[in-house]
Amino acid sequence: MPHQFPILLVDDDPLIADILERASSSSFPEAFFIHVSNFSDAKKYIEDLEGKGPKIVLLDVDLNDKVDGLDFLALLRAHPKGRVLPVVMLSANTNPGLVERAYSFGASSFTIKPFSYVDWKMYLSNLRTYWHETVTLLDIRHYKED
């Protein structure tokens, strides 16, 4: 059944959202992306979420804002349901200090953004294999009173 795996994508680059949408049609057809482009919109999405939430979060480290992906990760980990939601960090930066900070903030994994469409398809195929087919995820439901 297609489109049964909601993924919250927090990335300021609309091209990344477009690439993920296109590449997922063949590499991860169950996925559908809820795209927000900055910290404020991501925070509002989580605060206003009611009902079934995303299965995982793909979170860009650099949101080209005063606050970054690590700030959103900290906010998410403080949220009652967000602390158990898997967060896959996305970055073009391979600095070991940044990777360490992401894990210390509670990232589930840290991944490097692919540079080609073919590489994005492989990335999504691997994401599907691990997060959709291998691990058991919670079916998180959010209610405003949480």
C-alpha atoms as a PDB file:
ATOM      1  CA  MET A   1       0.000   0.000   0.000  1.00  0.00           C
ATOM      2  CA  PRO A   2       1.698   3.233  -1.109  1.00  0.00           C
ATOM      3  CA  HIS A   3       2.055   6.302   1.082  1.00  0.00           C
ATOM      4  CA  GLN A   4       1.703   4.729   4.503  1.00  0.00           C
ATOM      5  CA  PHE A   5       4.978   5.962   5.987  1.00  0.00           C
ATOM      6  CA  PRO A   6       4.837   9.669   6.915  1.00  0.00           C
ATOM      7  CA  ILE A   7       8.220  11.401   7.181  1.00  0.00           C
ATOM      8  CA  LEU A   8       8.644  14.897   8.557  1.00  0.00           C
ATOM      9  CA  LEU A   9      11.281  16.629   6.434  1.00  0.00           C
ATOM     10  CA  VAL A  10      12.795  19.747   7.989  1.00  0.00           C
ATOM     11  CA  ASP A  11      15.029  21.318   5.343  1.00  0.00           C
ATOM     12  CA  ASP A  12      15.295  24.876   4.050  1.00  0.00           C
ATOM     13  CA  ASP A  13      16.095  23.755   0.494  1.00  0.00           C
ATOM     14  CA  PRO A  14      12.938  23.147  -1.587  1.00  0.00           C
ATOM     15  CA  LEU A  15      15.069  21.273  -4.126  1.00  0.00           C
ATOM     16  CA  ILE A  16      15.781  18.571  -1.505  1.00  0.00           C
ATOM     17  CA  ALA A  17      12.046  18.138  -0.909  1.00  0.00           C
ATOM     18  CA  ASP A  18      11.451  17.856  -4.643  1.00  0.00           C
ATOM     19  CA  ILE A  19      14.256  15.320  -5.111  1.00  0.00           C
ATOM     20  CA  LEU A  20      12.986  13.217  -2.206  1.00  0.00           C
ATOM     21  CA  GLU A  21       9.444  13.219  -3.598  1.00  0.00           C
ATOM     22  CA  ARG A  22      10.603  12.138  -7.045  1.00  0.00           C
ATOM     23  CA  ALA A  23      13.206   9.602  -5.900  1.00  0.00           C
ATOM     24  CA  SER A  24      10.882   7.997  -3.367  1.00  0.00           C
ATOM     25  CA  SER A  25       8.361   7.007  -6.038  1.00  0.00           C
ATOM     26  CA  SER A  26      10.627   4.124  -7.030  1.00  0.00           C
ATOM     27  CA  SER A  27      12.947   3.752  -4.009  1.00  0.00           C
ATOM     28  CA  PHE A  28      10.523   4.175  -1.100  1.00  0.00           C
ATOM     29  CA  PRO A  29       6.936   4.277  -2.461  1.00  0.00           C
ATOM     30  CA  GLU A  30       5.394   3.950   1.006  1.00  0.00           C
ATOM     31  CA  ALA A  31       6.924   7.279   2.054  1.00  0.00           C
ATOM     32  CA  PHE A  32       5.223  10.604   1.949  1.00  0.00           C
ATOM     33  CA  PHE A  33       6.913  13.763   3.086  1.00  0.00           C
ATOM     34  CA  ILE A  34       5.576  16.533   5.254  1.00  0.00           C
ATOM     35  CA  HIS A  35       7.978  19.334   4.358  1.00  0.00           C
ATOM     36  CA  VAL A  36       8.672  22.320   6.577  1.00  0.00           C
ATOM     37  CA  SER A  37      11.535  24.647   5.823  1.00  0.00           C
ATOM     38  CA  ASN A  38      12.528  26.331   9.072  1.00  0.00           C
ATOM     39  CA  PHE A  39      12.610  26.011  12.839  1.00  0.00           C
ATOM     40  CA  SER A  40       9.443  28.082  13.386  1.00  0.00           C
ATOM     41  CA  ASP A  41       7.365  26.020  10.959  1.00  0.00           C
ATOM     42  CA  ALA A  42       8.737  22.761  12.380  1.00  0.00           C
ATOM     43  CA  LYS A  43       7.916  23.880  15.914  1.00  0.00           C
ATOM     44  CA  LYS A  44       4.407  24.903  14.852  1.00  0.00           C
ATOM     45  CA  TYR A  45       3.906  21.564  13.088  1.00  0.00           C
ATOM     46  CA  ILE A  46       4.813  19.631  16.258  1.00  0.00           C
ATOM     47  CA  GLU A  47       2.768  21.905  18.536  1.00  0.00           C
ATOM     48  CA  ASP A  48      -0.317  21.749  16.292  1.00  0.00           C
ATOM     49  CA  LEU A  49      -0.050  18.066  15.473  1.00  0.00           C
ATOM     50  CA  GLU A  50      -3.117  16.100  16.332  1.00  0.00           C
ATOM     51  CA  GLY A  51      -3.626  12.457  15.508  1.00  0.00           C
ATOM     52  CA  LYS A  52      -1.103  10.215  13.828  1.00  0.00           C
ATOM     53  CA  GLY A  53       2.364  11.710  13.617  1.00  0.00           C
ATOM     54  CA  PRO A  54       5.354  10.988  11.405  1.00  0.00           C
ATOM     55  CA  LYS A  55       7.265   7.721  11.681  1.00  0.00           C
ATOM     56  CA  ILE A  56      10.641   9.467  11.443  1.00  0.00           C
ATOM     57  CA  VAL A  57      12.096  12.941  11.012  1.00  0.00           C
ATOM     58  CA  LEU A  58      14.687  13.848   8.386  1.00  0.00           C
ATOM     59  CA  LEU A  59      16.307  16.949   9.859  1.00  0.00           C
ATOM     60  CA  ASP A  60      18.765  19.219   8.098  1.00  0.00           C
ATOM     61  CA  VAL A  61      21.437  20.537  10.452  1.00  0.00           C
ATOM     62  CA  ASP A  62      21.790  23.926   8.724  1.00  0.00           C
ATOM     63  CA  LEU A  63      18.428  25.631   8.297  1.00  0.00           C
ATOM     64  CA  ASN A  64      19.946  29.016   7.301  1.00  0.00           C
ATOM     65  CA  ASP A  65      18.198  30.620  10.245  1.00  0.00           C
ATOM     66  CA  LYS A  66      19.143  32.022  13.652  1.00  0.00           C
ATOM     67  CA  VAL A  67      18.352  28.585  15.008  1.00  0.00           C
ATOM     68  CA  ASP A  68      19.414  25.323  13.404  1.00  0.00           C
ATOM     69  CA  GLY A  69      18.400  21.706  13.216  1.00  0.00           C
ATOM     70  CA  LEU A  70      20.065  20.925  16.531  1.00  0.00           C
ATOM     71  CA  ASP A  71      17.827  23.524  18.203  1.00  0.00           C
ATOM     72  CA  PHE A  72      14.780  21.788  16.747  1.00  0.00           C
ATOM     73  CA  LEU A  73      16.156  18.415  17.830  1.00  0.00           C
ATOM     74  CA  ALA A  74      16.476  19.727  21.408  1.00  0.00           C
ATOM     75  CA  LEU A  75      12.892  21.009  21.288  1.00  0.00           C
ATOM     76  CA  LEU A  76      11.672  17.715  19.868  1.00  0.00           C
ATOM     77  CA  ARG A  77      13.449  15.688  22.545  1.00  0.00           C
ATOM     78  CA  ALA A  78      11.748  17.816  25.230  1.00  0.00           C
ATOM     79  CA  HIS A  79       8.300  17.080  23.737  1.00  0.00           C
ATOM     80  CA  PRO A  80       6.518  14.101  25.399  1.00  0.00           C
ATOM     81  CA  LYS A  81       6.085  12.177  22.136  1.00  0.00           C
ATOM     82  CA  GLY A  82       9.089  13.663  20.362  1.00  0.00           C
ATOM     83  CA  ARG A  83      11.617  12.084  22.655  1.00  0.00           C
ATOM     84  CA  VAL A  84      10.904   8.642  21.131  1.00  0.00           C
ATOM     85  CA  LEU A  85      10.555   9.782  17.509  1.00  0.00           C
ATOM     86  CA  PRO A  86      13.560   8.692  15.420  1.00  0.00           C
ATOM     87  CA  VAL A  87      15.478  11.655  14.019  1.00  0.00           C
ATOM     88  CA  VAL A  88      17.834  11.166  11.087  1.00  0.00           C
ATOM     89  CA  MET A  89      20.127  14.165  10.716  1.00  0.00           C
ATOM     90  CA  LEU A  90      20.957  15.351   7.189  1.00  0.00           C
ATOM     91  CA  SER A  91      24.059  17.387   6.495  1.00  0.00           C
ATOM     92  CA  ALA A  92      26.685  18.165   3.919  1.00  0.00           C
ATOM     93  CA  ASN A  93      29.080  18.816   6.821  1.00  0.00           C
ATOM     94  CA  THR A  94      31.179  15.829   7.947  1.00  0.00           C
ATOM     95  CA  ASN A  95      32.850  17.619  10.857  1.00  0.00           C
ATOM     96  CA  PRO A  96      33.258  15.051  13.677  1.00  0.00           C
ATOM     97  CA  GLY A  97      32.396  17.713  16.269  1.00  0.00           C
ATOM     98  CA  LEU A  98      29.052  18.343  14.582  1.00  0.00           C
ATOM     99  CA  VAL A  99      28.332  14.629  14.407  1.00  0.00           C
ATOM    100  CA  GLU A 100      29.123  14.305  18.118  1.00  0.00           C
ATOM    101  CA  ARG A 101      26.890  17.272  18.977  1.00  0.00           C
ATOM    102  CA  ALA A 102      24.006  15.787  16.991  1.00  0.00           C
ATOM    103  CA  TYR A 103      24.231  12.497  18.848  1.00  0.00           C
ATOM    104  CA  SER A 104      24.557  14.275  22.183  1.00  0.00           C
ATOM    105  CA  PHE A 105      21.326  16.166  21.380  1.00  0.00           C
ATOM    106  CA  GLY A 106      19.556  12.843  20.791  1.00  0.00           C
ATOM    107  CA  ALA A 107      19.866  12.147  17.057  1.00  0.00           C
ATOM    108  CA  SER A 108      19.058   8.575  16.070  1.00  0.00           C
ATOM    109  CA  SER A 109      21.521   8.732  13.190  1.00  0.00           C
ATOM    110  CA  PHE A 110      23.632  11.212  11.250  1.00  0.00           C
ATOM    111  CA  THR A 111      23.740  10.968   7.467  1.00  0.00           C
ATOM    112  CA  ILE A 112      25.506  12.887   4.733  1.00  0.00           C
ATOM    113  CA  LYS A 113      23.315  14.385   2.002  1.00  0.00           C
ATOM    114  CA  PRO A 114      23.829  12.707  -1.337  1.00  0.00           C
ATOM    115  CA  PHE A 115      24.898  14.863  -4.271  1.00  0.00           C
ATOM    116  CA  SER A 116      23.230  13.149  -7.223  1.00  0.00           C
ATOM    117  CA  TYR A 117      19.725  11.938  -7.987  1.00  0.00           C
ATOM    118  CA  VAL A 118      20.975   8.343  -8.266  1.00  0.00           C
ATOM    119  CA  ASP A 119      22.611   8.677  -4.838  1.00  0.00           C
ATOM    120  CA  TRP A 120      19.346  10.052  -3.379  1.00  0.00           C
ATOM    121  CA  LYS A 121      17.499   7.028  -4.750  1.00  0.00           C
ATOM    122  CA  MET A 122      20.037   4.739  -3.045  1.00  0.00           C
ATOM    123  CA  TYR A 123      19.768   6.796   0.161  1.00  0.00           C
ATOM    124  CA  LEU A 124      15.990   6.363   0.168  1.00  0.00           C
ATOM    125  CA  SER A 125      16.271   2.672  -0.609  1.00  0.00           C
ATOM    126  CA  ASN A 126      18.572   2.267   2.392  1.00  0.00           C
ATOM    127  CA  LEU A 127      16.270   4.422   4.527  1.00  0.00           C
ATOM    128  CA  ARG A 128      13.367   2.186   3.524  1.00  0.00           C
ATOM    129  CA  THR A 129      15.282  -1.005   4.256  1.00  0.00           C
ATOM    130  CA  TYR A 130      16.232   0.113   7.740  1.00  0.00           C
ATOM    131  CA  TRP A 131      13.393   2.334   9.015  1.00  0.00           C
ATOM    132  CA  HIS A 132      10.462   0.710   7.203  1.00  0.00           C
ATOM    133  CA  GLU A 133      11.435  -2.961   6.825  1.00  0.00           C
ATOM    134  CA  THR A 134      13.899  -3.701   9.637  1.00  0.00           C
ATOM    135  CA  VAL A 135      13.122  -1.792  12.820  1.00  0.00           C
ATOM    136  CA  THR A 136       9.870  -1.708  14.739  1.00  0.00           C
ATOM    137  CA  LEU A 137       8.656   1.850  15.196  1.00  0.00           C
ATOM    138  CA  LEU A 138       6.029   3.180  17.527  1.00  0.00           C
ATOM    139  CA  ASP A 139       2.756   4.387  16.049  1.00  0.00           C
ATOM    140  CA  ILE A 140       2.920   7.797  17.675  1.00  0.00           C
ATOM    141  CA  ARG A 141      -0.278   9.736  18.071  1.00  0.00           C
ATOM    142  CA  HIS A 142      -0.260  13.339  19.188  1.00  0.00           C
ATOM    143  CA  TYR A 143      -3.055  15.053  21.024  1.00  0.00           C
ATOM    144  CA  LYS A 144      -3.063  18.701  21.938  1.00  0.00           C
ATOM    145  CA  GLU A 145      -3.445  17.878  25.632  1.00  0.00           C
ATOM    146  CA  ASP A 146      -0.108  15.929  25.540  1.00  0.00           C
END
